[in-house]
C-alpha atoms as a PDB file:
ATOM      1  CA  UNK A   1      -0.879   6.839 -20.832  1.00  0.00           C
ATOM      2  CA  UNK A   2      -2.250   4.248 -18.040  1.00  0.00           C
ATOM      3  CA  UNK A   3      -1.558   3.920 -14.446  1.00  0.00           C
ATOM      4  CA  UNK A   4      -0.951   1.511 -12.082  1.00  0.00           C
ATOM      5  CA  UNK A   5      -1.391   3.697  -9.216  1.00  0.00           C
ATOM      6  CA  UNK A   6      -0.155   0.908  -6.941  1.00  0.00           C
ATOM      7  CA  UNK A   7       2.850  -2.365  -7.838  1.00  0.00           C
ATOM      8  CA  UNK A   8       6.122  -3.374  -6.580  1.00  0.00           C
ATOM      9  CA  UNK A   9       9.143  -3.670  -8.701  1.00  0.00           C
ATOM     10  CA  UNK A  10      12.424  -4.880  -7.713  1.00  0.00           C
ATOM     11  CA  UNK A  11      10.553  -6.039  -3.661  1.00  0.00           C
ATOM     12  CA  UNK A  12       9.858  -1.524  -3.617  1.00  0.00           C
ATOM     13  CA  UNK A  13       6.533  -0.631  -3.537  1.00  0.00           C
ATOM     14  CA  UNK A  14       5.975   2.054  -6.570  1.00  0.00           C
ATOM     15  CA  UNK A  15       3.349   3.384  -9.132  1.00  0.00           C
ATOM     16  CA  UNK A  16       4.059   3.164 -12.619  1.00  0.00           C
ATOM     17  CA  UNK A  17       2.989   4.737 -15.320  1.00  0.00           C
ATOM     18  CA  UNK A  18       2.621   2.969 -19.167  1.00  0.00           C
ATOM     19  CA  UNK A  19       2.434   3.735 -22.481  1.00  0.00           C
ATOM     20  CA  UNK A  20       2.862   1.920 -25.717  1.00  0.00           C
ATOM     21  CA  UNK A  21       6.499   1.621 -25.887  1.00  0.00           C
ATOM     22  CA  UNK A  22       7.406   2.956 -21.898  1.00  0.00           C
ATOM     23  CA  UNK A  23       7.404   3.010 -18.675  1.00  0.00           C
ATOM     24  CA  UNK A  24       8.157   5.768 -16.191  1.00  0.00           C
ATOM     25  CA  UNK A  25       8.281   4.285 -12.333  1.00  0.00           C
ATOM     26  CA  UNK A  26       7.810   6.703  -9.564  1.00  0.00           C
ATOM     27  CA  UNK A  27       8.888   5.597  -6.181  1.00  0.00           C
ATOM     28  CA  UNK A  28       6.346   5.988  -2.720  1.00  0.00           C
ATOM     29  CA  UNK A  29       7.441   5.590   0.921  1.00  0.00           C
ATOM     30  CA  UNK A  30       6.375   4.280   3.926  1.00  0.00           C
ATOM     31  CA  UNK A  31       5.630   1.937   6.768  1.00  0.00           C
ATOM     32  CA  UNK A  32       3.565  -1.233   5.926  1.00  0.00           C
ATOM     33  CA  UNK A  33       1.326  -2.107   8.901  1.00  0.00           C
ATOM     34  CA  UNK A  34       3.145  -5.534   8.583  1.00  0.00           C
ATOM     35  CA  UNK A  35       6.018  -4.212  10.062  1.00  0.00           C
ATOM     36  CA  UNK A  36       5.024  -1.715  12.753  1.00  0.00           C
ATOM     37  CA  UNK A  37       6.519  -3.789  15.636  1.00  0.00           C
ATOM     38  CA  UNK A  38      10.311  -3.555  14.223  1.00  0.00           C
ATOM     39  CA  UNK A  39       9.378   0.899  14.949  1.00  0.00           C
ATOM     40  CA  UNK A  40      10.976   1.594  18.243  1.00  0.00           C
ATOM     41  CA  UNK A  41       9.402   3.860  21.213  1.00  0.00           C
ATOM     42  CA  UNK A  42       9.843   7.155  19.776  1.00  0.00           C
ATOM     43  CA  UNK A  43      11.876   6.576  16.465  1.00  0.00           C
ATOM     44  CA  UNK A  44       9.998   9.643  14.830  1.00  0.00           C
ATOM     45  CA  UNK A  45      11.773  12.255  16.959  1.00  0.00           C
ATOM     46  CA  UNK A  46      14.216  13.590  14.752  1.00  0.00           C
ATOM     47  CA  UNK A  47      15.121  16.579  12.890  1.00  0.00           C
ATOM     48  CA  UNK A  48      13.085  18.508  10.938  1.00  0.00           C
ATOM     49  CA  UNK A  49      13.844  18.033   6.994  1.00  0.00           C
ATOM     50  CA  UNK A  50      14.993  14.341   7.291  1.00  0.00           C
ATOM     51  CA  UNK A  51      13.340  11.387   7.868  1.00  0.00           C
ATOM     52  CA  UNK A  52      14.562   8.061   8.995  1.00  0.00           C
ATOM     53  CA  UNK A  53      13.557   5.283   8.836  1.00  0.00           C
ATOM     54  CA  UNK A  54      14.757   1.077   9.829  1.00  0.00           C
ATOM     55  CA  UNK A  55      15.598  -0.342   6.982  1.00  0.00           C
ATOM     56  CA  UNK A  56      13.248   0.992   4.574  1.00  0.00           C
ATOM     57  CA  UNK A  57      14.736   1.539   1.313  1.00  0.00           C
ATOM     58  CA  UNK A  58      11.847   4.457  -0.821  1.00  0.00           C
ATOM     59  CA  UNK A  59       8.810   2.421  -1.207  1.00  0.00           C
ATOM     60  CA  UNK A  60       9.796  -1.065   0.115  1.00  0.00           C
ATOM     61  CA  UNK A  61       7.652  -3.917   0.708  1.00  0.00           C
ATOM     62  CA  UNK A  62       8.070  -6.167   4.305  1.00  0.00           C
ATOM     63  CA  UNK A  63       9.478  -9.065   2.725  1.00  0.00           C
ATOM     64  CA  UNK A  64      12.312  -7.514   3.038  1.00  0.00           C
ATOM     65  CA  UNK A  65      12.385  -5.577   6.342  1.00  0.00           C
ATOM     66  CA  UNK A  66      13.707  -7.691   8.834  1.00  0.00           C
ATOM     67  CA  UNK A  67      17.168  -8.440   7.537  1.00  0.00           C
ATOM     68  CA  UNK A  68      18.900  -5.235   8.467  1.00  0.00           C
ATOM     69  CA  UNK A  69      15.625  -3.398  10.819  1.00  0.00           C
ATOM     70  CA  UNK A  70      18.351  -2.337  13.295  1.00  0.00           C
ATOM     71  CA  UNK A  71      20.040   0.027  10.029  1.00  0.00           C
ATOM     72  CA  UNK A  72      18.413   3.804   9.105  1.00  0.00           C
ATOM     73  CA  UNK A  73      18.596   5.198   6.329  1.00  0.00           C
ATOM     74  CA  UNK A  74      17.339   9.050   4.846  1.00  0.00           C
ATOM     75  CA  UNK A  75      14.624   9.301   2.678  1.00  0.00           C
ATOM     76  CA  UNK A  76      14.379  12.245   0.996  1.00  0.00           C
ATOM     77  CA  UNK A  77      10.556  12.157   1.134  1.00  0.00           C
ATOM     78  CA  UNK A  78      10.596  15.350  -1.052  1.00  0.00           C
ATOM     79  CA  UNK A  79      11.276  12.972  -3.986  1.00  0.00           C
ATOM     80  CA  UNK A  80       9.301  10.265  -3.693  1.00  0.00           C
ATOM     81  CA  UNK A  81       5.501  10.541  -4.922  1.00  0.00           C
ATOM     82  CA  UNK A  82       3.513   9.715  -2.290  1.00  0.00           C
ATOM     83  CA  UNK A  83       3.092   8.108   1.457  1.00  0.00           C
ATOM     84  CA  UNK A  84       2.891   4.186   1.097  1.00  0.00           C
ATOM     85  CA  UNK A  85       1.459   1.577   1.096  1.00  0.00           C
ATOM     86  CA  UNK A  86       0.808   2.396   4.943  1.00  0.00           C
ATOM     87  CA  UNK A  87      -2.560   1.830   6.858  1.00  0.00           C
ATOM     88  CA  UNK A  88      -4.020  -0.568   8.984  1.00  0.00           C
ATOM     89  CA  UNK A  89      -4.744  -4.536   9.129  1.00  0.00           C
ATOM     90  CA  UNK A  90      -6.927  -5.965  11.667  1.00  0.00           C
ATOM     91  CA  UNK A  91      -5.311  -9.746  10.270  1.00  0.00           C
ATOM     92  CA  UNK A  92      -2.552  -8.238  12.260  1.00  0.00           C
ATOM     93  CA  UNK A  93      -4.450  -7.929  15.935  1.00  0.00           C
ATOM     94  CA  UNK A  94      -1.808  -7.742  17.979  1.00  0.00           C
ATOM     95  CA  UNK A  95      -0.080  -5.098  16.702  1.00  0.00           C
ATOM     96  CA  UNK A  96      -3.041  -2.905  15.715  1.00  0.00           C
ATOM     97  CA  UNK A  97      -2.925   0.059  18.700  1.00  0.00           C
ATOM     98  CA  UNK A  98       0.724   0.558  17.527  1.00  0.00           C
ATOM     99  CA  UNK A  99      -0.857   0.273  13.657  1.00  0.00           C
ATOM    100  CA  UNK A 100      -2.594   3.362  14.680  1.00  0.00           C
ATOM    101  CA  UNK A 101       0.344   4.997  15.718  1.00  0.00           C
ATOM    102  CA  UNK A 102       2.444   4.285  13.302  1.00  0.00           C
ATOM    103  CA  UNK A 103      -0.597   5.228  10.370  1.00  0.00           C
ATOM    104  CA  UNK A 104      -1.255   8.532  12.410  1.00  0.00           C
ATOM    105  CA  UNK A 105       2.476   9.196  11.678  1.00  0.00           C
ATOM    106  CA  UNK A 106       2.621   8.462   8.140  1.00  0.00           C
ATOM    107  CA  UNK A 107      -0.168  11.290   7.600  1.00  0.00           C
ATOM    108  CA  UNK A 108       1.675  13.593   9.433  1.00  0.00           C
ATOM    109  CA  UNK A 109       4.271  13.627   6.780  1.00  0.00           C
ATOM    110  CA  UNK A 110       2.055  13.074   4.098  1.00  0.00           C
ATOM    111  CA  UNK A 111       0.044  16.594   5.277  1.00  0.00           C
ATOM    112  CA  UNK A 112       4.116  18.485   6.003  1.00  0.00           C
ATOM    113  CA  UNK A 113       5.418  16.907   2.954  1.00  0.00           C
ATOM    114  CA  UNK A 114       2.170  17.676   0.698  1.00  0.00           C
ATOM    115  CA  UNK A 115       2.104  14.252  -0.850  1.00  0.00           C
ATOM    116  CA  UNK A 116      -0.788  11.820  -1.238  1.00  0.00           C
ATOM    117  CA  UNK A 117      -1.312   8.039   0.587  1.00  0.00           C
ATOM    118  CA  UNK A 118      -1.904   4.737  -0.262  1.00  0.00           C
ATOM    119  CA  UNK A 119      -3.726   3.315   2.628  1.00  0.00           C
ATOM    120  CA  UNK A 120      -3.198  -0.223   2.968  1.00  0.00           C
ATOM    121  CA  UNK A 121      -6.344  -1.461   4.876  1.00  0.00           C
ATOM    122  CA  UNK A 122      -8.087  -5.315   5.826  1.00  0.00           C
ATOM    123  CA  UNK A 123     -11.332  -4.959   8.221  1.00  0.00           C
ATOM    124  CA  UNK A 124     -10.929  -0.863   9.503  1.00  0.00           C
ATOM    125  CA  UNK A 125     -12.238   1.039   7.175  1.00  0.00           C
ATOM    126  CA  UNK A 126     -14.109   2.480   9.973  1.00  0.00           C
ATOM    127  CA  UNK A 127     -10.696   3.406  12.105  1.00  0.00           C
ATOM    128  CA  UNK A 128      -9.211   4.574   8.842  1.00  0.00           C
ATOM    129  CA  UNK A 129     -12.173   7.077   8.168  1.00  0.00           C
ATOM    130  CA  UNK A 130     -12.117   7.954  11.867  1.00  0.00           C
ATOM    131  CA  UNK A 131      -8.290   8.638  11.561  1.00  0.00           C
ATOM    132  CA  UNK A 132      -9.060  10.593   8.486  1.00  0.00           C
ATOM    133  CA  UNK A 133     -11.489  12.721  10.680  1.00  0.00           C
ATOM    134  CA  UNK A 134      -8.742  13.334  13.735  1.00  0.00           C
ATOM    135  CA  UNK A 135      -5.674  14.267  11.579  1.00  0.00           C
ATOM    136  CA  UNK A 136      -7.624  16.664   9.806  1.00  0.00           C
ATOM    137  CA  UNK A 137      -5.882  15.193   6.523  1.00  0.00           C
ATOM    138  CA  UNK A 138      -6.399  17.340   3.198  1.00  0.00           C
ATOM    139  CA  UNK A 139      -3.972  15.061   0.966  1.00  0.00           C
ATOM    140  CA  UNK A 140      -5.728  12.684  -1.049  1.00  0.00           C
ATOM    141  CA  UNK A 141      -5.651   9.086   0.239  1.00  0.00           C
ATOM    142  CA  UNK A 142      -6.012   5.778  -2.145  1.00  0.00           C
ATOM    143  CA  UNK A 143      -7.329   2.934  -0.555  1.00  0.00           C
ATOM    144  CA  UNK A 144      -5.679   0.273  -2.646  1.00  0.00           C
ATOM    145  CA  UNK A 145      -6.946  -3.073  -3.139  1.00  0.00           C
ATOM    146  CA  UNK A 146     -10.236  -2.341  -2.316  1.00  0.00           C
ATOM    147  CA  UNK A 147     -12.461  -5.717  -2.210  1.00  0.00           C
ATOM    148  CA  UNK A 148     -15.277  -4.467   0.507  1.00  0.00           C
ATOM    149  CA  UNK A 149     -18.745  -3.778   0.350  1.00  0.00           C
ATOM    150  CA  UNK A 150     -20.409  -0.664  -2.355  1.00  0.00           C
ATOM    151  CA  UNK A 151     -21.672   1.130   1.331  1.00  0.00           C
ATOM    152  CA  UNK A 152     -17.942   1.310   2.755  1.00  0.00           C
ATOM    153  CA  UNK A 153     -17.138   2.475  -0.701  1.00  0.00           C
ATOM    154  CA  UNK A 154     -19.488   5.234  -0.233  1.00  0.00           C
ATOM    155  CA  UNK A 155     -18.551   5.771   2.942  1.00  0.00           C
ATOM    156  CA  UNK A 156     -14.478   6.669   1.981  1.00  0.00           C
ATOM    157  CA  UNK A 157     -15.805   8.446  -0.819  1.00  0.00           C
ATOM    158  CA  UNK A 158     -17.842  10.529   2.145  1.00  0.00           C
ATOM    159  CA  UNK A 159     -14.637  11.231   2.957  1.00  0.00           C
ATOM    160  CA  UNK A 160     -13.061  12.644  -0.058  1.00  0.00           C
ATOM    161  CA  UNK A 161     -10.438   9.165  -0.516  1.00  0.00           C
ATOM    162  CA  UNK A 162     -10.149   7.785  -4.188  1.00  0.00           C
ATOM    163  CA  UNK A 163     -10.416   3.870  -4.616  1.00  0.00           C
ATOM    164  CA  UNK A 164      -8.114   1.500  -5.880  1.00  0.00           C
ATOM    165  CA  UNK A 165      -9.247  -2.132  -7.586  1.00  0.00           C
ATOM    166  CA  UNK A 166      -7.133  -4.741  -8.786  1.00  0.00           C
ATOM    167  CA  UNK A 167      -7.711  -8.766  -8.139  1.00  0.00           C
ATOM    168  CA  UNK A 168     -11.602  -7.877  -7.397  1.00  0.00           C
ATOM    169  CA  UNK A 169     -12.261  -7.671 -10.821  1.00  0.00           C
ATOM    170  CA  UNK A 170     -10.256 -11.268 -11.718  1.00  0.00           C
ATOM    171  CA  UNK A 171     -11.413 -13.189  -8.391  1.00  0.00           C
ATOM    172  CA  UNK A 172     -15.300 -10.890  -7.318  1.00  0.00           C
ATOM    173  CA  UNK A 173     -16.628 -10.272 -10.828  1.00  0.00           C
ATOM    174  CA  UNK A 174     -20.110  -9.513  -8.986  1.00  0.00           C
ATOM    175  CA  UNK A 175     -18.780  -7.586  -6.412  1.00  0.00           C
ATOM    176  CA  UNK A 176     -16.773  -5.639  -8.956  1.00  0.00           C
ATOM    177  CA  UNK A 177     -19.848  -5.207 -10.648  1.00  0.00           C
ATOM    178  CA  UNK A 178     -21.343  -3.064  -8.172  1.00  0.00           C
ATOM    179  CA  UNK A 179     -18.822  -1.496  -7.194  1.00  0.00           C
ATOM    180  CA  UNK A 180     -17.456  -0.100 -10.667  1.00  0.00           C
ATOM    181  CA  UNK A 181     -21.538   1.130 -11.737  1.00  0.00           C
ATOM    182  CA  UNK A 182     -22.022   2.806  -7.971  1.00  0.00           C
ATOM    183  CA  UNK A 183     -18.251   4.977  -8.230  1.00  0.00           C
ATOM    184  CA  UNK A 184     -18.239   7.586  -9.825  1.00  0.00           C
ATOM    185  CA  UNK A 185     -15.108   7.290 -12.448  1.00  0.00           C
ATOM    186  CA  UNK A 186     -13.102  10.433 -11.254  1.00  0.00           C
ATOM    187  CA  UNK A 187     -12.455   8.699  -7.549  1.00  0.00           C
ATOM    188  CA  UNK A 188     -11.410   5.401  -9.623  1.00  0.00           C
ATOM    189  CA  UNK A 189      -7.948   4.214  -9.824  1.00  0.00           C
ATOM    190  CA  UNK A 190      -6.839   0.723 -10.966  1.00  0.00           C
ATOM    191  CA  UNK A 191      -3.098  -1.249  -9.710  1.00  0.00           C
ATOM    192  CA  UNK A 192      -1.400  -4.768  -9.867  1.00  0.00           C
ATOM    193  CA  UNK A 193       0.100  -4.410  -6.624  1.00  0.00           C
ATOM    194  CA  UNK A 194       2.457  -7.794  -7.025  1.00  0.00           C
ATOM    195  CA  UNK A 195      -0.520 -10.163  -8.924  1.00  0.00           C
ATOM    196  CA  UNK A 196       2.142  -9.752 -12.071  1.00  0.00           C
ATOM    197  CA  UNK A 197      -0.571  -8.687 -14.364  1.00  0.00           C
ATOM    198  CA  UNK A 198       0.519  -5.798 -17.163  1.00  0.00           C
ATOM    199  CA  UNK A 199      -1.678  -2.887 -16.200  1.00  0.00           C
ATOM    200  CA  UNK A 200      -3.018  -2.274 -19.423  1.00  0.00           C
ATOM    201  CA  UNK A 201      -5.032  -6.322 -18.897  1.00  0.00           C
ATOM    202  CA  UNK A 202      -6.788  -4.369 -15.869  1.00  0.00           C
ATOM    203  CA  UNK A 203      -7.923  -1.541 -17.425  1.00  0.00           C
ATOM    204  CA  UNK A 204      -9.191  -3.853 -19.931  1.00  0.00           C
ATOM    205  CA  UNK A 205     -10.649  -5.971 -17.898  1.00  0.00           C
ATOM    206  CA  UNK A 206     -12.295  -3.261 -15.587  1.00  0.00           C
ATOM    207  CA  UNK A 207     -13.535  -2.276 -19.467  1.00  0.00           C
ATOM    208  CA  UNK A 208     -15.043  -5.398 -19.998  1.00  0.00           C
ATOM    209  CA  UNK A 209     -17.668  -5.891 -16.762  1.00  0.00           C
ATOM    210  CA  UNK A 210     -18.186  -1.370 -16.953  1.00  0.00           C
ATOM    211  CA  UNK A 211     -19.312  -2.012 -21.109  1.00  0.00           C
ATOM    212  CA  UNK A 212     -16.803   0.839 -21.660  1.00  0.00           C
ATOM    213  CA  UNK A 213     -13.905   1.860 -24.399  1.00  0.00           C
ATOM    214  CA  UNK A 214     -10.359   1.150 -22.020  1.00  0.00           C
ATOM    215  CA  UNK A 215      -9.654   4.534 -24.314  1.00  0.00           C
ATOM    216  CA  UNK A 216     -12.191   6.540 -21.894  1.00  0.00           C
ATOM    217  CA  UNK A 217     -10.840   4.605 -18.596  1.00  0.00           C
ATOM    218  CA  UNK A 218      -7.386   5.148 -19.886  1.00  0.00           C
ATOM    219  CA  UNK A 219      -8.155   8.886 -19.788  1.00  0.00           C
ATOM    220  CA  UNK A 220     -10.259   9.449 -17.069  1.00  0.00           C
ATOM    221  CA  UNK A 221      -7.545   7.845 -14.302  1.00  0.00           C
ATOM    222  CA  UNK A 222      -5.154  10.118 -15.639  1.00  0.00           C
ATOM    223  CA  UNK A 223      -6.443  13.001 -14.659  1.00  0.00           C
ATOM    224  CA  UNK A 224      -7.183  11.240 -11.639  1.00  0.00           C
ATOM    225  CA  UNK A 225      -3.439  11.055 -11.346  1.00  0.00           C
ATOM    226  CA  UNK A 226      -3.095  14.358 -12.506  1.00  0.00           C
ATOM    227  CA  UNK A 227      -5.675  15.502  -9.488  1.00  0.00           C
ATOM    228  CA  UNK A 228      -3.023  13.994  -7.262  1.00  0.00           C
ATOM    229  CA  UNK A 229       0.498  15.509  -8.700  1.00  0.00           C
ATOM    230  CA  UNK A 230      -1.976  18.535  -8.205  1.00  0.00           C
ATOM    231  CA  UNK A 231      -2.867  18.558  -4.660  1.00  0.00           C
ATOM    232  CA  UNK A 232       1.368  18.188  -4.429  1.00  0.00           C
END
């Protein structure tokens, strides 16, 4: 079974599990950092048990967010596999303070509903680590699309996070090899995000760079996903 820890199906962020003949799609839910400006102040003051989000379907990616942002959709978080994607993105500096506010709320939901978080991070790794410490989060966080230094990766691992690799395997092989040589396989995931690739090809690429069998990675990553599920 091949786990694609972060991909998009019909414009929705999901986790996909693929075998030789079938696939299983698990929905996720969260407010992407690109869209925090559309979250009204005190939006999260709501009755316990049902969470609402303006115009976000379960796992919806931001490209369809703005068309009906004044609507609200009840989201049964108990039926989702993870909170995500959520996080911080310094490429959108004007909303960064709001991003922090919303991300901290997403982590509260992650902890309350016992859901792992799929985390988007662009040039904000120190802030991500500080928020993990500040919130005393215990649920697993998966840093998706990681493409930074080995030292940054080590810092994230020290705070009990998982690392997911995707396009870095193709766009920066030298960096990918450094990361793959240093990361414990017990903390590793792979993803396709919006690339359109087959997750099996991503595993094959990683296996080539690591000098191991694809079956080894398939088994180990599936074990990692089992630990995420067990944390619920």
